[in-house]
PDB file of N, CA and C in Angstrom:
ATOM      1  N   UNK A   1      20.533 -13.585 -34.435  1.00  0.00           N
ATOM      2  CA  UNK A   1      20.637 -14.032 -33.056  1.00  0.00           C
ATOM      3  C   UNK A   1      20.965 -15.516 -33.019  1.00  0.00           C
ATOM      4  N   UNK A   2      21.676 -15.895 -31.994  1.00  0.00           N
ATOM      5  CA  UNK A   2      22.066 -17.295 -31.869  1.00  0.00           C
ATOM      6  C   UNK A   2      20.990 -18.070 -31.142  1.00  0.00           C
ATOM      7  N   UNK A   3      20.969 -19.333 -31.390  1.00  0.00           N
ATOM      8  CA  UNK A   3      20.026 -20.227 -30.724  1.00  0.00           C
ATOM      9  C   UNK A   3      20.458 -20.431 -29.274  1.00  0.00           C
ATOM     10  N   UNK A   4      19.496 -20.635 -28.396  1.00  0.00           N
ATOM     11  CA  UNK A   4      19.842 -20.899 -26.995  1.00  0.00           C
ATOM     12  C   UNK A   4      20.510 -22.256 -26.860  1.00  0.00           C
ATOM     13  N   UNK A   5      20.242 -23.138 -27.790  1.00  0.00           N
ATOM     14  CA  UNK A   5      20.839 -24.482 -27.735  1.00  0.00           C
ATOM     15  C   UNK A   5      22.334 -24.398 -28.035  1.00  0.00           C
ATOM     16  N   UNK A   6      22.730 -23.558 -28.953  1.00  0.00           N
ATOM     17  CA  UNK A   6      24.133 -23.441 -29.353  1.00  0.00           C
ATOM     18  C   UNK A   6      24.893 -22.353 -28.605  1.00  0.00           C
ATOM     19  N   UNK A   7      24.214 -21.585 -27.761  1.00  0.00           N
ATOM     20  CA  UNK A   7      24.852 -20.481 -27.041  1.00  0.00           C
ATOM     21  C   UNK A   7      25.694 -21.042 -25.893  1.00  0.00           C
ATOM     22  N   UNK A   8      27.033 -20.872 -25.902  1.00  0.00           N
ATOM     23  CA  UNK A   8      27.873 -21.436 -24.838  1.00  0.00           C
ATOM     24  C   UNK A   8      27.635 -20.779 -23.481  1.00  0.00           C
ATOM     25  N   UNK A   9      27.294 -19.494 -23.471  1.00  0.00           N
ATOM     26  CA  UNK A   9      27.043 -18.813 -22.206  1.00  0.00           C
ATOM     27  C   UNK A   9      25.790 -19.375 -21.547  1.00  0.00           C
ATOM     28  N   UNK A  10      24.743 -19.600 -22.336  1.00  0.00           N
ATOM     29  CA  UNK A  10      23.506 -20.165 -21.789  1.00  0.00           C
ATOM     30  C   UNK A  10      23.744 -21.573 -21.264  1.00  0.00           C
ATOM     31  N   UNK A  11      24.542 -22.372 -22.002  1.00  0.00           N
ATOM     32  CA  UNK A  11      24.864 -23.731 -21.530  1.00  0.00           C
ATOM     33  C   UNK A  11      25.646 -23.664 -20.222  1.00  0.00           C
ATOM     34  N   UNK A  12      26.605 -22.746 -20.152  1.00  0.00           N
ATOM     35  CA  UNK A  12      27.409 -22.582 -18.934  1.00  0.00           C
ATOM     36  C   UNK A  12      26.521 -22.187 -17.747  1.00  0.00           C
ATOM     37  N   UNK A  13      25.612 -21.233 -17.969  1.00  0.00           N
ATOM     38  CA  UNK A  13      24.720 -20.801 -16.895  1.00  0.00           C
ATOM     39  C   UNK A  13      23.825 -21.941 -16.432  1.00  0.00           C
ATOM     40  N   UNK A  14      23.332 -22.755 -17.387  1.00  0.00           N
ATOM     41  CA  UNK A  14      22.472 -23.881 -17.028  1.00  0.00           C
ATOM     42  C   UNK A  14      23.257 -24.911 -16.221  1.00  0.00           C
ATOM     43  N   UNK A  15      24.502 -25.183 -16.642  1.00  0.00           N
ATOM     44  CA  UNK A  15      25.326 -26.153 -15.931  1.00  0.00           C
ATOM     45  C   UNK A  15      25.627 -25.673 -14.510  1.00  0.00           C
ATOM     46  N   UNK A  16      25.976 -24.422 -14.356  1.00  0.00           N
ATOM     47  CA  UNK A  16      26.268 -23.868 -13.032  1.00  0.00           C
ATOM     48  C   UNK A  16      25.017 -23.922 -12.156  1.00  0.00           C
ATOM     49  N   UNK A  17      23.871 -23.580 -12.702  1.00  0.00           N
ATOM     50  CA  UNK A  17      22.610 -23.634 -11.950  1.00  0.00           C
ATOM     51  C   UNK A  17      22.304 -25.033 -11.455  1.00  0.00           C
ATOM     52  N   UNK A  18      22.513 -26.043 -12.328  1.00  0.00           N
ATOM     53  CA  UNK A  18      22.267 -27.438 -11.926  1.00  0.00           C
ATOM     54  C   UNK A  18      23.251 -27.878 -10.847  1.00  0.00           C
ATOM     55  N   UNK A  19      24.511 -27.476 -10.981  1.00  0.00           N
ATOM     56  CA  UNK A  19      25.499 -27.826  -9.959  1.00  0.00           C
ATOM     57  C   UNK A  19      25.139 -27.182  -8.624  1.00  0.00           C
ATOM     58  N   UNK A  20      24.682 -25.960  -8.671  1.00  0.00           N
ATOM     59  CA  UNK A  20      24.305 -25.256  -7.441  1.00  0.00           C
ATOM     60  C   UNK A  20      23.124 -25.929  -6.767  1.00  0.00           C
ATOM     61  N   UNK A  21      22.133 -26.328  -7.540  1.00  0.00           N
ATOM     62  CA  UNK A  21      20.979 -27.033  -6.968  1.00  0.00           C
ATOM     63  C   UNK A  21      21.408 -28.336  -6.322  1.00  0.00           C
ATOM     64  N   UNK A  22      22.290 -29.085  -7.011  1.00  0.00           N
ATOM     65  CA  UNK A  22      22.771 -30.356  -6.462  1.00  0.00           C
ATOM     66  C   UNK A  22      23.556 -30.148  -5.179  1.00  0.00           C
ATOM     67  N   UNK A  23      24.413 -29.137  -5.157  1.00  0.00           N
ATOM     68  CA  UNK A  23      25.195 -28.874  -3.951  1.00  0.00           C
ATOM     69  C   UNK A  23      24.290 -28.456  -2.794  1.00  0.00           C
ATOM     70  N   UNK A  24      23.301 -27.610  -3.070  1.00  0.00           N
ATOM     71  CA  UNK A  24      22.376 -27.173  -2.011  1.00  0.00           C
ATOM     72  C   UNK A  24      21.597 -28.348  -1.438  1.00  0.00           C
ATOM     73  N   UNK A  25      21.134 -29.265  -2.296  1.00  0.00           N
ATOM     74  CA  UNK A  25      20.382 -30.416  -1.776  1.00  0.00           C
ATOM     75  C   UNK A  25      21.296 -31.326  -0.962  1.00  0.00           C
ATOM     76  N   UNK A  26      22.541 -31.521  -1.423  1.00  0.00           N
ATOM     77  CA  UNK A  26      23.491 -32.333  -0.666  1.00  0.00           C
ATOM     78  C   UNK A  26      23.796 -31.710   0.690  1.00  0.00           C
ATOM     79  N   UNK A  27      24.036 -30.404   0.707  1.00  0.00           N
ATOM     80  CA  UNK A  27      24.357 -29.718   1.960  1.00  0.00           C
ATOM     81  C   UNK A  27      23.175 -29.755   2.925  1.00  0.00           C
ATOM     82  N   UNK A  28      21.970 -29.610   2.395  1.00  0.00           N
ATOM     83  CA  UNK A  28      20.783 -29.652   3.254  1.00  0.00           C
ATOM     84  C   UNK A  28      20.638 -31.022   3.902  1.00  0.00           C
ATOM     85  N   UNK A  29      20.825 -32.082   3.103  1.00  0.00           N
ATOM     86  CA  UNK A  29      20.732 -33.444   3.658  1.00  0.00           C
ATOM     87  C   UNK A  29      21.823 -33.686   4.688  1.00  0.00           C
ATOM     88  N   UNK A  30      23.037 -33.174   4.418  1.00  0.00           N
ATOM     89  CA  UNK A  30      24.154 -33.384   5.341  1.00  0.00           C
ATOM     90  C   UNK A  30      23.921 -32.650   6.658  1.00  0.00           C
ATOM     91  N   UNK A  31      23.343 -31.461   6.598  1.00  0.00           N
ATOM     92  CA  UNK A  31      23.127 -30.688   7.824  1.00  0.00           C
ATOM     93  C   UNK A  31      22.002 -31.248   8.677  1.00  0.00           C
ATOM     94  N   UNK A  32      21.139 -32.072   8.107  1.00  0.00           N
ATOM     95  CA  UNK A  32      20.034 -32.655   8.872  1.00  0.00           C
ATOM     96  C   UNK A  32      20.476 -33.840   9.712  1.00  0.00           C
ATOM     97  N   UNK A  33      21.650 -34.394   9.462  1.00  0.00           N
ATOM     98  CA  UNK A  33      22.102 -35.581  10.189  1.00  0.00           C
ATOM     99  C   UNK A  33      22.631 -35.199  11.567  1.00  0.00           C
ATOM    100  N   UNK A  34      22.465 -36.094  12.541  1.00  0.00           N
ATOM    101  CA  UNK A  34      22.989 -35.804  13.891  1.00  0.00           C
ATOM    102  C   UNK A  34      24.521 -35.782  13.923  1.00  0.00           C
ATOM    103  N   UNK A  35      25.170 -36.497  13.021  1.00  0.00           N
ATOM    104  CA  UNK A  35      26.629 -36.497  12.987  1.00  0.00           C
ATOM    105  C   UNK A  35      27.162 -35.098  12.655  1.00  0.00           C
ATOM    106  N   UNK A  36      26.482 -34.424  11.748  1.00  0.00           N
ATOM    107  CA  UNK A  36      26.904 -33.078  11.372  1.00  0.00           C
ATOM    108  C   UNK A  36      26.810 -32.131  12.563  1.00  0.00           C
ATOM    109  N   UNK A  37      25.691 -32.208  13.286  1.00  0.00           N
ATOM    110  CA  UNK A  37      25.536 -31.310  14.437  1.00  0.00           C
ATOM    111  C   UNK A  37      26.558 -31.639  15.529  1.00  0.00           C
ATOM    112  N   UNK A  38      26.874 -32.926  15.703  1.00  0.00           N
ATOM    113  CA  UNK A  38      27.899 -33.290  16.686  1.00  0.00           C
ATOM    114  C   UNK A  38      29.274 -32.763  16.264  1.00  0.00           C
ATOM    115  N   UNK A  39      29.574 -32.896  14.979  1.00  0.00           N
ATOM    116  CA  UNK A  39      30.860 -32.410  14.490  1.00  0.00           C
ATOM    117  C   UNK A  39      30.963 -30.894  14.647  1.00  0.00           C
ATOM    118  N   UNK A  40      29.893 -30.178  14.355  1.00  0.00           N
ATOM    119  CA  UNK A  40      29.908 -28.725  14.511  1.00  0.00           C
ATOM    120  C   UNK A  40      30.040 -28.335  15.979  1.00  0.00           C
ATOM    121  N   UNK A  41      29.391 -29.097  16.854  1.00  0.00           N
ATOM    122  CA  UNK A  41      29.482 -28.836  18.293  1.00  0.00           C
ATOM    123  C   UNK A  41      30.920 -29.038  18.779  1.00  0.00           C
ATOM    124  N   UNK A  42      31.557 -30.122  18.307  1.00  0.00           N
ATOM    125  CA  UNK A  42      32.950 -30.369  18.696  1.00  0.00           C
ATOM    126  C   UNK A  42      33.866 -29.282  18.161  1.00  0.00           C
ATOM    127  N   UNK A  43      33.629 -28.878  16.911  1.00  0.00           N
ATOM    128  CA  UNK A  43      34.464 -27.835  16.313  1.00  0.00           C
ATOM    129  C   UNK A  43      34.307 -26.521  17.081  1.00  0.00           C
ATOM    130  N   UNK A  44      33.093 -26.213  17.495  1.00  0.00           N
ATOM    131  CA  UNK A  44      32.876 -24.997  18.294  1.00  0.00           C
ATOM    132  C   UNK A  44      33.571 -25.082  19.639  1.00  0.00           C
ATOM    133  N   UNK A  45      33.527 -26.246  20.257  1.00  0.00           N
ATOM    134  CA  UNK A  45      34.206 -26.436  21.544  1.00  0.00           C
ATOM    135  C   UNK A  45      35.714 -26.299  21.415  1.00  0.00           C
ATOM    136  N   UNK A  46      36.261 -26.877  20.352  1.00  0.00           N
ATOM    137  CA  UNK A  46      37.703 -26.781  20.118  1.00  0.00           C
ATOM    138  C   UNK A  46      38.088 -25.326  19.874  1.00  0.00           C
ATOM    139  N   UNK A  47      37.284 -24.609  19.090  1.00  0.00           N
ATOM    140  CA  UNK A  47      37.595 -23.198  18.807  1.00  0.00           C
ATOM    141  C   UNK A  47      37.539 -22.361  20.076  1.00  0.00           C
ATOM    142  N   UNK A  48      36.541 -22.628  20.928  1.00  0.00           N
ATOM    143  CA  UNK A  48      36.432 -21.876  22.181  1.00  0.00           C
ATOM    144  C   UNK A  48      37.619 -22.169  23.095  1.00  0.00           C
ATOM    145  N   UNK A  49      38.038 -23.426  23.160  1.00  0.00           N
ATOM    146  CA  UNK A  49      39.192 -23.792  23.979  1.00  0.00           C
ATOM    147  C   UNK A  49      40.463 -23.147  23.470  1.00  0.00           C
ATOM    148  N   UNK A  50      40.629 -23.149  22.148  1.00  0.00           N
ATOM    149  CA  UNK A  50      41.821 -22.526  21.558  1.00  0.00           C
ATOM    150  C   UNK A  50      41.836 -21.024  21.821  1.00  0.00           C
ATOM    151  N   UNK A  51      40.668 -20.404  21.745  1.00  0.00           N
ATOM    152  CA  UNK A  51      40.598 -18.960  21.993  1.00  0.00           C
ATOM    153  C   UNK A  51      40.951 -18.650  23.445  1.00  0.00           C
ATOM    154  N   UNK A  52      40.476 -19.489  24.384  1.00  0.00           N
ATOM    155  CA  UNK A  52      40.796 -19.271  25.791  1.00  0.00           C
ATOM    156  C   UNK A  52      42.295 -19.444  26.031  1.00  0.00           C
ATOM    157  N   UNK A  53      42.889 -20.473  25.443  1.00  0.00           N
ATOM    158  CA  UNK A  53      44.326 -20.689  25.600  1.00  0.00           C
ATOM    159  C   UNK A  53      45.118 -19.536  25.004  1.00  0.00           C
ATOM    160  N   UNK A  54      44.682 -19.048  23.852  1.00  0.00           N
ATOM    161  CA  UNK A  54      45.374 -17.921  23.232  1.00  0.00           C
ATOM    162  C   UNK A  54      45.273 -16.684  24.121  1.00  0.00           C
ATOM    163  N   UNK A  55      44.098 -16.454  24.714  1.00  0.00           N
ATOM    164  CA  UNK A  55      43.930 -15.313  25.612  1.00  0.00           C
ATOM    165  C   UNK A  55      44.836 -15.411  26.828  1.00  0.00           C
ATOM    166  N   UNK A  56      44.912 -16.607  27.408  1.00  0.00           N
ATOM    167  CA  UNK A  56      45.791 -16.807  28.567  1.00  0.00           C
ATOM    168  C   UNK A  56      47.262 -16.595  28.178  1.00  0.00           C
ATOM    169  N   UNK A  57      47.636 -17.132  27.017  1.00  0.00           N
ATOM    170  CA  UNK A  57      49.001 -16.973  26.552  1.00  0.00           C
ATOM    171  C   UNK A  57      49.331 -15.503  26.297  1.00  0.00           C
ATOM    172  N   UNK A  58      48.392 -14.773  25.709  1.00  0.00           N
ATOM    173  CA  UNK A  58      48.616 -13.355  25.424  1.00  0.00           C
ATOM    174  C   UNK A  58      48.734 -12.564  26.728  1.00  0.00           C
ATOM    175  N   UNK A  59      47.918 -12.923  27.716  1.00  0.00           N
ATOM    176  CA  UNK A  59      47.994 -12.219  29.006  1.00  0.00           C
ATOM    177  C   UNK A  59      49.354 -12.456  29.669  1.00  0.00           C
ATOM    178  N   UNK A  60      49.847 -13.688  29.596  1.00  0.00           N
ATOM    179  CA  UNK A  60      51.167 -13.977  30.162  1.00  0.00           C
ATOM    180  C   UNK A  60      52.258 -13.220  29.408  1.00  0.00           C
ATOM    181  N   UNK A  61      52.113 -13.144  28.095  1.00  0.00           N
ATOM    182  CA  UNK A  61      53.090 -12.419  27.287  1.00  0.00           C
ATOM    183  C   UNK A  61      53.103 -10.942  27.656  1.00  0.00           C
ATOM    184  N   UNK A  62      51.918 -10.350  27.767  1.00  0.00           N
ATOM    185  CA  UNK A  62      51.840  -8.935  28.125  1.00  0.00           C
ATOM    186  C   UNK A  62      52.401  -8.693  29.523  1.00  0.00           C
ATOM    187  N   UNK A  63      52.140  -9.625  30.423  1.00  0.00           N
ATOM    188  CA  UNK A  63      52.675  -9.517  31.783  1.00  0.00           C
ATOM    189  C   UNK A  63      54.202  -9.568  31.756  1.00  0.00           C
ATOM    190  N   UNK A  64      54.768 -10.460  30.939  1.00  0.00           N
ATOM    191  CA  UNK A  64      56.228 -10.548  30.870  1.00  0.00           C
ATOM    192  C   UNK A  64      56.835  -9.306  30.219  1.00  0.00           C
ATOM    193  N   UNK A  65      56.072  -8.651  29.334  1.00  0.00           N
ATOM    194  CA  UNK A  65      56.547  -7.424  28.696  1.00  0.00           C
ATOM    195  C   UNK A  65      56.241  -6.192  29.542  1.00  0.00           C
ATOM    196  N   UNK A  66      55.636  -6.402  30.704  1.00  0.00           N
ATOM    197  CA  UNK A  66      55.272  -5.324  31.628  1.00  0.00           C
ATOM    198  C   UNK A  66      54.272  -4.355  30.975  1.00  0.00           C
ATOM    199  N   UNK A  67      53.295  -4.936  30.247  1.00  0.00           N
ATOM    200  CA  UNK A  67      52.232  -4.166  29.605  1.00  0.00           C
ATOM    201  C   UNK A  67      50.890  -4.580  30.199  1.00  0.00           C
ATOM    202  N   UNK A  68      49.923  -3.669  30.262  1.00  0.00           N
ATOM    203  CA  UNK A  68      48.620  -4.029  30.834  1.00  0.00           C
ATOM    204  C   UNK A  68      47.803  -4.891  29.870  1.00  0.00           C
ATOM    205  N   UNK A  69      47.009  -5.780  30.455  1.00  0.00           N
ATOM    206  CA  UNK A  69      46.127  -6.615  29.644  1.00  0.00           C
ATOM    207  C   UNK A  69      44.834  -5.852  29.362  1.00  0.00           C
ATOM    208  N   UNK A  70      43.956  -6.444  28.562  1.00  0.00           N
ATOM    209  CA  UNK A  70      42.672  -5.813  28.239  1.00  0.00           C
ATOM    210  C   UNK A  70      41.841  -5.626  29.511  1.00  0.00           C
ATOM    211  N   UNK A  71      41.861  -6.626  30.369  1.00  0.00           N
ATOM    212  CA  UNK A  71      41.092  -6.542  31.620  1.00  0.00           C
ATOM    213  C   UNK A  71      41.605  -5.401  32.494  1.00  0.00           C
ATOM    214  N   UNK A  72      42.912  -5.256  32.573  1.00  0.00           N
ATOM    215  CA  UNK A  72      43.483  -4.179  33.369  1.00  0.00           C
ATOM    216  C   UNK A  72      43.158  -2.816  32.765  1.00  0.00           C
ATOM    217  N   UNK A  73      43.203  -2.707  31.443  1.00  0.00           N
ATOM    218  CA  UNK A  73      42.862  -1.439  30.786  1.00  0.00           C
ATOM    219  C   UNK A  73      41.391  -1.097  31.011  1.00  0.00           C
ATOM    220  N   UNK A  74      40.533  -2.101  31.006  1.00  0.00           N
ATOM    221  CA  UNK A  74      39.109  -1.867  31.276  1.00  0.00           C
ATOM    222  C   UNK A  74      38.919  -1.363  32.698  1.00  0.00           C
ATOM    223  N   UNK A  75      39.653  -1.958  33.654  1.00  0.00           N
ATOM    224  CA  UNK A  75      39.580  -1.498  35.036  1.00  0.00           C
ATOM    225  C   UNK A  75      40.052  -0.059  35.185  1.00  0.00           C
ATOM    226  N   UNK A  76      41.131   0.270  34.477  1.00  0.00           N
ATOM    227  CA  UNK A  76      41.643   1.647  34.528  1.00  0.00           C
ATOM    228  C   UNK A  76      40.613   2.613  33.962  1.00  0.00           C
ATOM    229  N   UNK A  77      39.985   2.238  32.849  1.00  0.00           N
ATOM    230  CA  UNK A  77      38.986   3.110  32.225  1.00  0.00           C
ATOM    231  C   UNK A  77      37.787   3.320  33.153  1.00  0.00           C
ATOM    232  N   UNK A  78      37.363   2.265  33.850  1.00  0.00           N
ATOM    233  CA  UNK A  78      36.235   2.397  34.783  1.00  0.00           C
ATOM    234  C   UNK A  78      36.595   3.316  35.936  1.00  0.00           C
ATOM    235  N   UNK A  79      37.802   3.154  36.474  1.00  0.00           N
ATOM    236  CA  UNK A  79      38.225   4.031  37.570  1.00  0.00           C
ATOM    237  C   UNK A  79      38.333   5.474  37.105  1.00  0.00           C
ATOM    238  N   UNK A  80      38.833   5.675  35.892  1.00  0.00           N
ATOM    239  CA  UNK A  80      38.952   7.028  35.342  1.00  0.00           C
ATOM    240  C   UNK A  80      37.586   7.678  35.173  1.00  0.00           C
ATOM    241  N   UNK A  81      36.609   6.914  34.728  1.00  0.00           N
ATOM    242  CA  UNK A  81      35.251   7.455  34.598  1.00  0.00           C
ATOM    243  C   UNK A  81      34.688   7.835  35.959  1.00  0.00           C
ATOM    244  N   UNK A  82      34.968   7.018  36.969  1.00  0.00           N
ATOM    245  CA  UNK A  82      34.512   7.321  38.324  1.00  0.00           C
ATOM    246  C   UNK A  82      35.156   8.619  38.831  1.00  0.00           C
ATOM    247  N   UNK A  83      36.442   8.768  38.586  1.00  0.00           N
ATOM    248  CA  UNK A  83      37.150   9.984  39.014  1.00  0.00           C
ATOM    249  C   UNK A  83      36.595  11.203  38.288  1.00  0.00           C
ATOM    250  N   UNK A  84      36.330  11.065  36.989  1.00  0.00           N
ATOM    251  CA  UNK A  84      35.771  12.186  36.225  1.00  0.00           C
ATOM    252  C   UNK A  84      34.393  12.574  36.752  1.00  0.00           C
ATOM    253  N   UNK A  85      33.605  11.588  37.146  1.00  0.00           N
ATOM    254  CA  UNK A  85      32.296  11.882  37.728  1.00  0.00           C
ATOM    255  C   UNK A  85      32.423  12.644  39.038  1.00  0.00           C
ATOM    256  N   UNK A  86      33.370  12.220  39.871  1.00  0.00           N
ATOM    257  CA  UNK A  86      33.583  12.905  41.140  1.00  0.00           C
ATOM    258  C   UNK A  86      34.086  14.333  40.910  1.00  0.00           C
ATOM    259  N   UNK A  87      34.966  14.505  39.927  1.00  0.00           N
ATOM    260  CA  UNK A  87      35.441  15.857  39.621  1.00  0.00           C
ATOM    261  C   UNK A  87      34.301  16.748  39.138  1.00  0.00           C
ATOM    262  N   UNK A  88      33.390  16.182  38.372  1.00  0.00           N
ATOM    263  CA  UNK A  88      32.224  16.946  37.923  1.00  0.00           C
ATOM    264  C   UNK A  88      31.370  17.400  39.097  1.00  0.00           C
ATOM    265  N   UNK A  89      31.180  16.496  40.063  1.00  0.00           N
ATOM    266  CA  UNK A  89      30.405  16.856  41.255  1.00  0.00           C
ATOM    267  C   UNK A  89      31.114  17.963  42.044  1.00  0.00           C
ATOM    268  N   UNK A  90      32.428  17.844  42.201  1.00  0.00           N
ATOM    269  CA  UNK A  90      33.206  18.863  42.930  1.00  0.00           C
ATOM    270  C   UNK A  90      33.103  20.204  42.211  1.00  0.00           C
ATOM    271  N   UNK A  91      33.189  20.183  40.896  1.00  0.00           N
ATOM    272  CA  UNK A  91      33.105  21.409  40.114  1.00  0.00           C
ATOM    273  C   UNK A  91      31.741  22.081  40.284  1.00  0.00           C
ATOM    274  N   UNK A  92      30.684  21.295  40.257  1.00  0.00           N
ATOM    275  CA  UNK A  92      29.353  21.888  40.432  1.00  0.00           C
ATOM    276  C   UNK A  92      29.187  22.446  41.850  1.00  0.00           C
ATOM    277  N   UNK A  93      29.736  21.755  42.854  1.00  0.00           N
ATOM    278  CA  UNK A  93      29.648  22.270  44.225  1.00  0.00           C
ATOM    279  C   UNK A  93      30.431  23.576  44.362  1.00  0.00           C
ATOM    280  N   UNK A  94      31.612  23.635  43.732  1.00  0.00           N
ATOM    281  CA  UNK A  94      32.412  24.862  43.799  1.00  0.00           C
ATOM    282  C   UNK A  94      31.699  26.030  43.114  1.00  0.00           C
ATOM    283  N   UNK A  95      31.052  25.759  41.989  1.00  0.00           N
ATOM    284  CA  UNK A  95      30.338  26.845  41.317  1.00  0.00           C
ATOM    285  C   UNK A  95      29.144  27.307  42.152  1.00  0.00           C
ATOM    286  N   UNK A  96      28.481  26.376  42.835  1.00  0.00           N
ATOM    287  CA  UNK A  96      27.382  26.758  43.732  1.00  0.00           C
ATOM    288  C   UNK A  96      27.901  27.590  44.892  1.00  0.00           C
ATOM    289  N   UNK A  97      29.043  27.179  45.451  1.00  0.00           N
ATOM    290  CA  UNK A  97      29.619  27.931  46.563  1.00  0.00           C
ATOM    291  C   UNK A  97      30.064  29.311  46.105  1.00  0.00           C
ATOM    292  N   UNK A  98      30.621  29.384  44.889  1.00  0.00           N
ATOM    293  CA  UNK A  98      31.062  30.664  44.356  1.00  0.00           C
ATOM    294  C   UNK A  98      29.871  31.593  44.138  1.00  0.00           C
ATOM    295  N   UNK A  99      28.781  31.059  43.623  1.00  0.00           N
ATOM    296  CA  UNK A  99      27.578  31.877  43.406  1.00  0.00           C
ATOM    297  C   UNK A  99      27.018  32.347  44.743  1.00  0.00           C
ATOM    298  N   UNK A 100      27.041  31.486  45.752  1.00  0.00           N
ATOM    299  CA  UNK A 100      26.525  31.858  47.067  1.00  0.00           C
ATOM    300  C   UNK A 100      27.418  32.914  47.718  1.00  0.00           C
ATOM    301  N   UNK A 101      28.736  32.788  47.566  1.00  0.00           N
ATOM    302  CA  UNK A 101      29.631  33.760  48.200  1.00  0.00           C
ATOM    303  C   UNK A 101      29.577  35.109  47.488  1.00  0.00           C
ATOM    304  N   UNK A 102      29.376  35.116  46.157  1.00  0.00           N
ATOM    305  CA  UNK A 102      29.290  36.403  45.461  1.00  0.00           C
ATOM    306  C   UNK A 102      27.971  37.102  45.807  1.00  0.00           C
ATOM    307  N   UNK A 103      26.948  36.354  46.111  1.00  0.00           N
ATOM    308  CA  UNK A 103      25.671  36.945  46.532  1.00  0.00           C
ATOM    309  C   UNK A 103      25.771  37.545  47.912  1.00  0.00           C
ATOM    310  N   UNK A 104      26.633  36.999  48.773  1.00  0.00           N
ATOM    311  CA  UNK A 104      26.762  37.533  50.131  1.00  0.00           C
ATOM    312  C   UNK A 104      27.643  38.776  50.159  1.00  0.00           C
ATOM    313  N   UNK A 105      28.419  39.045  49.104  1.00  0.00           N
ATOM    314  CA  UNK A 105      29.285  40.217  49.066  1.00  0.00           C
ATOM    315  C   UNK A 105      28.531  41.480  48.689  1.00  0.00           C
ATOM    316  N   UNK A 106      27.257  41.360  48.380  1.00  0.00           N
ATOM    317  CA  UNK A 106      26.479  42.548  48.004  1.00  0.00           C
ATOM    318  C   UNK A 106      26.427  43.539  49.158  1.00  0.00           C
ATOM    319  N   UNK A 107      26.299  43.060  50.368  1.00  0.00           N
ATOM    320  CA  UNK A 107      26.232  43.938  51.530  1.00  0.00           C
ATOM    321  C   UNK A 107      27.595  44.312  52.066  1.00  0.00           C
ATOM    322  N   UNK A 108      28.685  43.879  51.433  1.00  0.00           N
ATOM    323  CA  UNK A 108      30.037  44.158  51.916  1.00  0.00           C
ATOM    324  C   UNK A 108      30.412  45.609  51.600  1.00  0.00           C
ATOM    325  N   UNK A 109      31.523  46.051  52.173  1.00  0.00           N
ATOM    326  CA  UNK A 109      31.988  47.438  51.985  1.00  0.00           C
ATOM    327  C   UNK A 109      32.338  47.659  50.526  1.00  0.00           C
ATOM    328  N   UNK A 110      32.026  48.857  50.001  1.00  0.00           N
ATOM    329  CA  UNK A 110      32.340  49.123  48.599  1.00  0.00           C
ATOM    330  C   UNK A 110      33.843  49.249  48.392  1.00  0.00           C
ATOM    331  N   UNK A 111      34.277  48.961  47.194  1.00  0.00           N
ATOM    332  CA  UNK A 111      35.696  49.050  46.870  1.00  0.00           C
ATOM    333  C   UNK A 111      36.065  50.516  46.653  1.00  0.00           C
ATOM    334  N   UNK A 112      37.288  50.874  46.939  1.00  0.00           N
ATOM    335  CA  UNK A 112      37.711  52.269  46.729  1.00  0.00           C
ATOM    336  C   UNK A 112      37.742  52.574  45.227  1.00  0.00           C
ATOM    337  N   UNK A 113      37.550  53.854  44.878  1.00  0.00           N
ATOM    338  CA  UNK A 113      37.547  54.216  43.460  1.00  0.00           C
ATOM    339  C   UNK A 113      38.940  54.102  42.857  1.00  0.00           C
ATOM    340  N   UNK A 114      38.983  53.857  41.600  1.00  0.00           N
ATOM    341  CA  UNK A 114      40.253  53.773  40.879  1.00  0.00           C
ATOM    342  C   UNK A 114      40.752  55.173  40.605  1.00  0.00           C
ATOM    343  N   UNK A 115      41.936  55.497  41.068  1.00  0.00           N
ATOM    344  CA  UNK A 115      42.456  56.857  40.895  1.00  0.00           C
ATOM    345  C   UNK A 115      43.529  56.938  39.831  1.00  0.00           C
ATOM    346  N   UNK A 116      44.138  55.832  39.475  1.00  0.00           N
ATOM    347  CA  UNK A 116      45.184  55.859  38.452  1.00  0.00           C
ATOM    348  C   UNK A 116      44.524  56.022  37.104  1.00  0.00           C
ATOM    349  N   UNK A 117      45.138  56.834  36.286  1.00  0.00           N
ATOM    350  CA  UNK A 117      44.638  57.063  34.926  1.00  0.00           C
ATOM    351  C   UNK A 117      45.701  56.564  33.932  1.00  0.00           C
ATOM    352  N   UNK A 118      45.293  56.175  32.752  1.00  0.00           N
ATOM    353  CA  UNK A 118      46.273  55.767  31.761  1.00  0.00           C
ATOM    354  C   UNK A 118      47.136  56.943  31.331  1.00  0.00           C
ATOM    355  N   UNK A 119      48.360  56.708  30.886  1.00  0.00           N
ATOM    356  CA  UNK A 119      49.235  57.806  30.489  1.00  0.00           C
ATOM    357  C   UNK A 119      48.649  58.574  29.306  1.00  0.00           C
ATOM    358  N   UNK A 120      48.910  59.883  29.302  1.00  0.00           N
ATOM    359  CA  UNK A 120      48.398  60.731  28.220  1.00  0.00           C
ATOM    360  C   UNK A 120      49.285  60.569  26.999  1.00  0.00           C
ATOM    361  N   UNK A 121      48.918  61.262  25.920  1.00  0.00           N
ATOM    362  CA  UNK A 121      49.677  61.128  24.679  1.00  0.00           C
ATOM    363  C   UNK A 121      51.099  61.648  24.849  1.00  0.00           C
ATOM    364  N   UNK A 122      51.311  62.567  25.705  1.00  0.00           N
ATOM    365  CA  UNK A 122      52.646  63.150  25.931  1.00  0.00           C
ATOM    366  C   UNK A 122      53.564  62.226  26.674  1.00  0.00           C
ATOM    367  N   UNK A 123      53.056  61.177  27.303  1.00  0.00           N
ATOM    368  CA  UNK A 123      53.891  60.220  28.001  1.00  0.00           C
ATOM    369  C   UNK A 123      53.859  60.390  29.489  1.00  0.00           C
ATOM    370  N   UNK A 124      53.362  61.474  30.036  1.00  0.00           N
ATOM    371  CA  UNK A 124      53.347  61.680  31.475  1.00  0.00           C
ATOM    372  C   UNK A 124      51.957  61.531  32.044  1.00  0.00           C
ATOM    373  N   UNK A 125      51.876  61.390  33.371  1.00  0.00           N
ATOM    374  CA  UNK A 125      50.571  61.293  34.013  1.00  0.00           C
ATOM    375  C   UNK A 125      50.139  62.661  34.495  1.00  0.00           C
ATOM    376  N   UNK A 126      48.859  62.897  34.516  1.00  0.00           N
ATOM    377  CA  UNK A 126      48.340  64.183  34.992  1.00  0.00           C
ATOM    378  C   UNK A 126      47.929  64.088  36.416  1.00  0.00           C
TER     379      UNK A 126
END
């Protein structure tokens, strides 16, 4: 077995570990400063502004291409759900009315008997 002192992999792992500890301590100290939080706040504001401008630009582009925007598609989907709900209500009312009307036909006149018979094996009717 090789010595840990002469092992290049062990030396590499130790060096990487020390570099990682140093970087973590540096990053922790940097994040504690008010300048860092101000810079992050500005960067977030710039990103939000850019996203809003991109959204506005995309909406104008879609409008010029005669395509619906996300907001318009959401409105269409909401209206479609409302229509589907109303159709469901109409369907349930129709089934209730159908059940009520079939119950009232019990006292109605009986239907005439079926007199036609299917053709016999010979092909003619009897």
